[in-house]
Amino acid sequence: MSVRIKKSELVEWSRFVIFVASELVEWSNFIMDASIRAR
């Protein structure tokens, strides 16, 4: 089974993945900051 992916789809997916990753980094920074301040 070969999955054929168009180049445009690949670009869309990579943008989506980068967006999600940056959101996760923002959230983890926020949570770390909050937990440090809570002490």
Protein backbone atom coordinates (compact mmCIF):
# COMPACT_ATOMS: atom_id res chain seq x y z
CA MET A 1 0.00 0.00 0.00
CA SER A 2 1.55 3.24 -1.14
CA VAL A 3 0.08 6.47 0.14
CA ARG A 4 0.39 9.25 -2.38
CA ILE A 5 0.56 12.72 -0.83
CA LYS A 6 0.44 15.86 -2.89
CA LYS A 7 3.11 18.45 -2.22
CA SER A 8 0.48 21.05 -1.31
CA GLU A 9 -1.01 18.68 1.26
CA LEU A 10 2.45 18.12 2.71
CA VAL A 11 2.95 21.88 3.08
CA GLU A 12 -0.45 22.25 4.77
CA TRP A 13 0.33 19.40 7.17
CA SER A 14 3.78 20.75 8.04
CA ARG A 15 2.29 24.18 8.75
CA PHE A 16 -0.35 22.57 10.96
CA VAL A 17 2.23 20.50 12.84
CA ILE A 18 4.46 23.55 13.38
CA PHE A 19 1.45 25.53 14.63
CA VAL A 20 0.44 22.81 17.08
CA ALA A 21 4.02 22.40 18.29
CA SER A 22 4.38 26.12 18.97
CA GLU A 23 1.05 26.12 20.83
CA LEU A 24 2.25 23.21 22.97
CA VAL A 25 5.48 25.04 23.75
CA GLU A 26 3.53 28.15 24.77
CA TRP A 27 1.27 26.09 27.04
CA SER A 28 4.15 24.19 28.65
CA ASN A 29 5.99 27.46 29.31
CA PHE A 30 2.82 28.92 30.84
CA ILE A 31 2.26 25.85 33.04
CA MET A 32 5.91 25.75 34.16
CA ASP A 33 5.78 29.45 35.02
CA ALA A 34 2.55 28.98 36.97
CA SER A 35 3.91 25.99 38.90
CA ILE A 36 7.10 27.88 39.76
CA ARG A 37 5.09 30.85 41.01
CA ALA A 38 2.77 28.59 43.02
CA ARG A 39 5.64 27.50 45.27
